[in-house]
């Protein structure tokens, strides 16, 4: 049985004071980085192609909205710096 991707996810103690908890944390980080658990969960339940497209479209829209909002915030900040200071009338003076 051949795999599509070789799995080289092993963890060994680095020093004599390396604990099992640190080993587990490093191993879990590697699993998250390589998206092993996510890809496994995706294959557990069938998802229709239309659902996949809908989710991808929704995610794309969220990312684009976030980028647009950041650009608008930057434009507002820059325009605030470019505005001349407002003249306020003091009491009793015209």
N, C-alpha and C. Protein backbone atom coordinates (compact mmCIF):
# COMPACT_ATOMS: atom_id res chain seq x y z
N UNK A 1 0.84 -1.17 0.00
CA UNK A 1 0.00 0.00 0.00
C UNK A 1 0.89 1.24 0.00
N UNK A 2 0.82 2.03 -1.05
CA UNK A 2 1.66 3.22 -1.14
C UNK A 2 0.85 4.46 -0.74
N UNK A 3 1.55 5.39 -0.15
CA UNK A 3 0.91 6.64 0.25
C UNK A 3 1.24 7.71 -0.78
N UNK A 4 0.36 8.71 -0.85
CA UNK A 4 0.62 9.80 -1.78
C UNK A 4 1.70 10.73 -1.25
N UNK A 5 1.74 10.91 0.09
CA UNK A 5 2.75 11.76 0.70
C UNK A 5 3.50 10.97 1.76
N UNK A 6 4.80 11.00 1.72
CA UNK A 6 5.53 10.31 2.79
C UNK A 6 5.37 11.07 4.10
N UNK A 7 5.32 10.34 5.17
CA UNK A 7 5.14 10.97 6.47
C UNK A 7 6.43 10.83 7.27
N UNK A 8 7.05 11.97 7.55
CA UNK A 8 8.29 11.99 8.32
C UNK A 8 8.06 12.76 9.60
N UNK A 9 7.00 12.46 10.28
CA UNK A 9 6.67 13.19 11.50
C UNK A 9 7.06 12.35 12.71
N UNK A 10 8.29 12.48 13.11
CA UNK A 10 8.74 11.80 14.31
C UNK A 10 9.35 12.83 15.24
N UNK A 11 9.23 12.58 16.50
CA UNK A 11 9.81 13.47 17.51
C UNK A 11 10.62 12.64 18.48
N UNK A 12 11.81 13.11 18.75
CA UNK A 12 12.68 12.45 19.72
C UNK A 12 13.11 13.47 20.76
N UNK A 13 13.47 13.00 21.93
CA UNK A 13 13.94 13.95 22.95
C UNK A 13 15.20 14.65 22.48
N UNK A 14 15.27 15.97 22.71
CA UNK A 14 16.42 16.75 22.26
C UNK A 14 17.54 16.75 23.29
N UNK A 15 17.18 16.69 24.53
CA UNK A 15 18.19 16.69 25.59
C UNK A 15 17.72 15.81 26.73
N UNK A 16 18.54 15.75 27.79
CA UNK A 16 18.14 14.86 28.89
C UNK A 16 17.02 15.47 29.72
N UNK A 17 16.75 16.79 29.57
CA UNK A 17 15.68 17.42 30.34
C UNK A 17 14.41 17.62 29.52
N UNK A 18 14.36 17.07 28.32
CA UNK A 18 13.17 17.19 27.47
C UNK A 18 12.08 16.27 28.00
N UNK A 19 10.90 16.83 28.27
CA UNK A 19 9.81 16.04 28.85
C UNK A 19 8.88 15.52 27.75
N UNK A 20 8.00 14.62 28.16
CA UNK A 20 7.02 14.06 27.23
C UNK A 20 6.05 15.13 26.77
N UNK A 21 5.73 16.07 27.64
CA UNK A 21 4.79 17.13 27.28
C UNK A 21 5.35 17.97 26.14
N UNK A 22 6.64 18.31 26.21
CA UNK A 22 7.26 19.08 25.14
C UNK A 22 7.27 18.30 23.83
N UNK A 23 7.53 16.99 23.93
CA UNK A 23 7.52 16.15 22.73
C UNK A 23 6.14 16.16 22.07
N UNK A 24 5.11 16.02 22.89
CA UNK A 24 3.74 16.00 22.37
C UNK A 24 3.41 17.34 21.72
N UNK A 25 3.79 18.44 22.36
CA UNK A 25 3.51 19.77 21.81
C UNK A 25 4.20 19.96 20.45
N UNK A 26 5.47 19.56 20.37
CA UNK A 26 6.18 19.69 19.09
C UNK A 26 5.54 18.82 18.01
N UNK A 27 5.12 17.61 18.40
CA UNK A 27 4.48 16.71 17.45
C UNK A 27 3.17 17.29 16.95
N UNK A 28 2.37 17.86 17.85
CA UNK A 28 1.09 18.46 17.45
C UNK A 28 1.31 19.67 16.54
N UNK A 29 2.35 20.44 16.79
CA UNK A 29 2.67 21.57 15.91
C UNK A 29 2.99 21.08 14.50
N UNK A 30 3.74 19.98 14.41
CA UNK A 30 4.08 19.43 13.09
C UNK A 30 2.82 18.95 12.38
N UNK A 31 1.93 18.30 13.12
CA UNK A 31 0.68 17.81 12.53
C UNK A 31 -0.14 18.97 11.99
N UNK A 32 -0.23 20.06 12.76
CA UNK A 32 -0.99 21.23 12.30
C UNK A 32 -0.34 21.86 11.09
N UNK A 33 0.98 21.93 11.09
CA UNK A 33 1.71 22.56 9.98
C UNK A 33 1.48 21.80 8.68
N UNK A 34 1.48 20.48 8.74
CA UNK A 34 1.30 19.66 7.55
C UNK A 34 -0.16 19.38 7.23
N UNK A 35 -1.07 19.89 8.06
CA UNK A 35 -2.52 19.75 7.87
C UNK A 35 -2.97 18.29 7.77
N UNK A 36 -2.38 17.44 8.52
CA UNK A 36 -2.71 16.01 8.47
C UNK A 36 -4.10 15.76 9.05
N UNK A 37 -4.35 16.31 10.21
CA UNK A 37 -5.63 16.09 10.88
C UNK A 37 -6.78 16.73 10.10
N UNK A 38 -6.55 17.91 9.55
CA UNK A 38 -7.59 18.58 8.78
C UNK A 38 -7.95 17.79 7.53
N UNK A 39 -6.95 17.29 6.84
CA UNK A 39 -7.24 16.54 5.62
C UNK A 39 -7.97 15.23 5.96
N UNK A 40 -7.65 14.63 7.08
CA UNK A 40 -8.34 13.42 7.50
C UNK A 40 -9.81 13.72 7.80
N UNK A 41 -10.06 14.82 8.52
CA UNK A 41 -11.44 15.17 8.87
C UNK A 41 -12.25 15.54 7.64
N UNK A 42 -11.60 16.13 6.64
CA UNK A 42 -12.30 16.48 5.41
C UNK A 42 -12.78 15.23 4.67
N UNK A 43 -12.02 14.15 4.77
CA UNK A 43 -12.40 12.94 4.04
C UNK A 43 -13.42 12.09 4.81
N UNK A 44 -13.68 12.41 6.07
CA UNK A 44 -14.63 11.61 6.84
C UNK A 44 -16.05 11.75 6.32
N UNK A 45 -16.44 12.97 5.95
CA UNK A 45 -17.81 13.23 5.53
C UNK A 45 -17.80 13.72 4.10
N UNK A 46 -18.68 13.17 3.28
CA UNK A 46 -18.75 13.60 1.89
C UNK A 46 -19.33 15.01 1.82
N UNK A 47 -18.72 15.83 1.00
CA UNK A 47 -19.21 17.19 0.79
C UNK A 47 -19.46 17.37 -0.70
N UNK A 48 -20.66 17.81 -1.04
CA UNK A 48 -20.99 17.99 -2.44
C UNK A 48 -20.11 19.07 -3.06
N UNK A 49 -19.82 18.94 -4.34
CA UNK A 49 -18.99 19.96 -5.00
C UNK A 49 -19.58 21.36 -4.91
N UNK A 50 -20.91 21.45 -4.96
CA UNK A 50 -21.53 22.78 -4.86
C UNK A 50 -21.29 23.38 -3.47
N UNK A 51 -21.28 22.54 -2.45
CA UNK A 51 -21.00 23.02 -1.08
C UNK A 51 -19.55 23.49 -0.97
N UNK A 52 -18.64 22.76 -1.60
CA UNK A 52 -17.23 23.15 -1.58
C UNK A 52 -17.06 24.51 -2.24
N UNK A 53 -17.70 24.69 -3.40
CA UNK A 53 -17.60 25.97 -4.10
C UNK A 53 -18.21 27.10 -3.27
N UNK A 54 -19.34 26.82 -2.63
CA UNK A 54 -20.01 27.84 -1.83
C UNK A 54 -19.13 28.26 -0.66
N UNK A 55 -18.50 27.29 0.01
CA UNK A 55 -17.61 27.61 1.13
C UNK A 55 -16.39 28.40 0.67
N UNK A 56 -15.84 28.01 -0.48
CA UNK A 56 -14.67 28.72 -1.01
C UNK A 56 -15.04 30.16 -1.37
N UNK A 57 -16.22 30.34 -1.95
CA UNK A 57 -16.67 31.68 -2.33
C UNK A 57 -16.88 32.54 -1.08
N UNK A 58 -17.45 31.95 -0.06
CA UNK A 58 -17.69 32.66 1.19
C UNK A 58 -16.37 33.07 1.85
N UNK A 59 -15.40 32.16 1.83
CA UNK A 59 -14.09 32.46 2.40
C UNK A 59 -13.38 33.56 1.61
N UNK A 60 -13.46 33.48 0.28
CA UNK A 60 -12.86 34.52 -0.57
C UNK A 60 -13.47 35.88 -0.29
N UNK A 61 -14.79 35.91 -0.15
CA UNK A 61 -15.48 37.17 0.12
C UNK A 61 -15.04 37.76 1.46
N UNK A 62 -14.90 36.89 2.48
CA UNK A 62 -14.46 37.36 3.80
C UNK A 62 -13.06 37.97 3.72
N UNK A 63 -12.16 37.30 3.00
CA UNK A 63 -10.79 37.80 2.87
C UNK A 63 -10.77 39.13 2.14
N UNK A 64 -11.52 39.22 1.04
CA UNK A 64 -11.56 40.46 0.28
C UNK A 64 -12.18 41.60 1.08
N UNK A 65 -13.21 41.31 1.85
CA UNK A 65 -13.82 42.33 2.71
C UNK A 65 -12.83 42.83 3.74
N UNK A 66 -12.07 41.92 4.31
CA UNK A 66 -11.08 42.29 5.32
C UNK A 66 -10.00 43.19 4.70
N UNK A 67 -9.53 42.83 3.51
CA UNK A 67 -8.51 43.64 2.83
C UNK A 67 -9.07 45.02 2.50
N UNK A 68 -10.32 45.07 2.01
CA UNK A 68 -10.94 46.33 1.67
C UNK A 68 -11.10 47.23 2.90
N UNK A 69 -11.51 46.64 4.02
CA UNK A 69 -11.66 47.40 5.26
C UNK A 69 -10.32 47.96 5.73
N UNK A 70 -9.27 47.16 5.63
CA UNK A 70 -7.94 47.64 6.03
C UNK A 70 -7.48 48.79 5.14
N UNK A 71 -7.74 48.69 3.84
CA UNK A 71 -7.35 49.76 2.94
C UNK A 71 -8.13 51.04 3.23
N UNK A 72 -9.41 50.91 3.54
CA UNK A 72 -10.22 52.08 3.87
C UNK A 72 -9.72 52.72 5.16
N UNK A 73 -9.37 51.91 6.15
CA UNK A 73 -8.83 52.45 7.39
C UNK A 73 -7.53 53.21 7.13
N UNK A 74 -6.66 52.65 6.29
CA UNK A 74 -5.41 53.32 5.96
C UNK A 74 -5.68 54.64 5.23
N UNK A 75 -6.65 54.64 4.33
CA UNK A 75 -6.97 55.87 3.61
C UNK A 75 -7.51 56.93 4.57
N UNK A 76 -8.32 56.53 5.53
CA UNK A 76 -8.86 57.48 6.51
C UNK A 76 -7.75 58.06 7.37
N UNK A 77 -6.82 57.23 7.76
CA UNK A 77 -5.70 57.70 8.58
C UNK A 77 -4.85 58.69 7.79
N UNK A 78 -4.56 58.35 6.53
CA UNK A 78 -3.75 59.23 5.71
C UNK A 78 -4.48 60.54 5.44
N UNK A 79 -5.78 60.49 5.18
CA UNK A 79 -6.52 61.71 4.89
C UNK A 79 -6.62 62.59 6.13
N UNK A 80 -6.64 61.99 7.33
CA UNK A 80 -6.66 62.78 8.56
C UNK A 80 -5.37 63.58 8.71
N UNK A 81 -4.26 63.02 8.27
CA UNK A 81 -2.99 63.73 8.35
C UNK A 81 -2.92 64.87 7.33
N UNK A 82 -3.60 64.70 6.21
CA UNK A 82 -3.54 65.69 5.15
C UNK A 82 -4.49 66.87 5.38
N UNK A 83 -5.50 66.70 6.23
CA UNK A 83 -6.47 67.76 6.47
C UNK A 83 -5.82 68.90 7.24
N UNK A 84 -6.15 70.14 6.86
CA UNK A 84 -5.64 71.26 7.66
C UNK A 84 -6.38 71.31 8.99
N UNK A 85 -5.76 71.85 10.02
CA UNK A 85 -6.43 71.91 11.31
C UNK A 85 -7.68 72.78 11.22
N UNK A 86 -8.73 72.36 11.88
CA UNK A 86 -9.99 73.09 11.82
C UNK A 86 -9.89 74.32 12.71
N UNK A 87 -10.54 75.41 12.27
CA UNK A 87 -10.55 76.65 13.05
C UNK A 87 -11.81 76.65 13.90
N UNK A 88 -11.60 76.75 15.19
CA UNK A 88 -12.73 76.77 16.12
C UNK A 88 -12.90 78.19 16.64
N UNK A 89 -14.13 78.65 16.69
CA UNK A 89 -14.41 79.97 17.23
C UNK A 89 -14.33 79.93 18.75
N UNK A 90 -13.63 80.92 19.30
CA UNK A 90 -13.58 81.03 20.75
C UNK A 90 -14.80 81.80 21.22
N UNK A 91 -15.16 81.62 22.45
CA UNK A 91 -16.33 82.30 23.00
C UNK A 91 -16.14 83.81 22.95
N UNK A 92 -17.16 84.52 22.49
CA UNK A 92 -17.14 85.97 22.47
C UNK A 92 -16.47 86.55 21.25
N UNK A 93 -15.85 85.77 20.43
CA UNK A 93 -15.18 86.29 19.23
C UNK A 93 -15.89 85.78 17.97
N UNK A 94 -15.84 86.60 16.97
CA UNK A 94 -16.43 86.18 15.69
C UNK A 94 -15.40 86.12 14.62
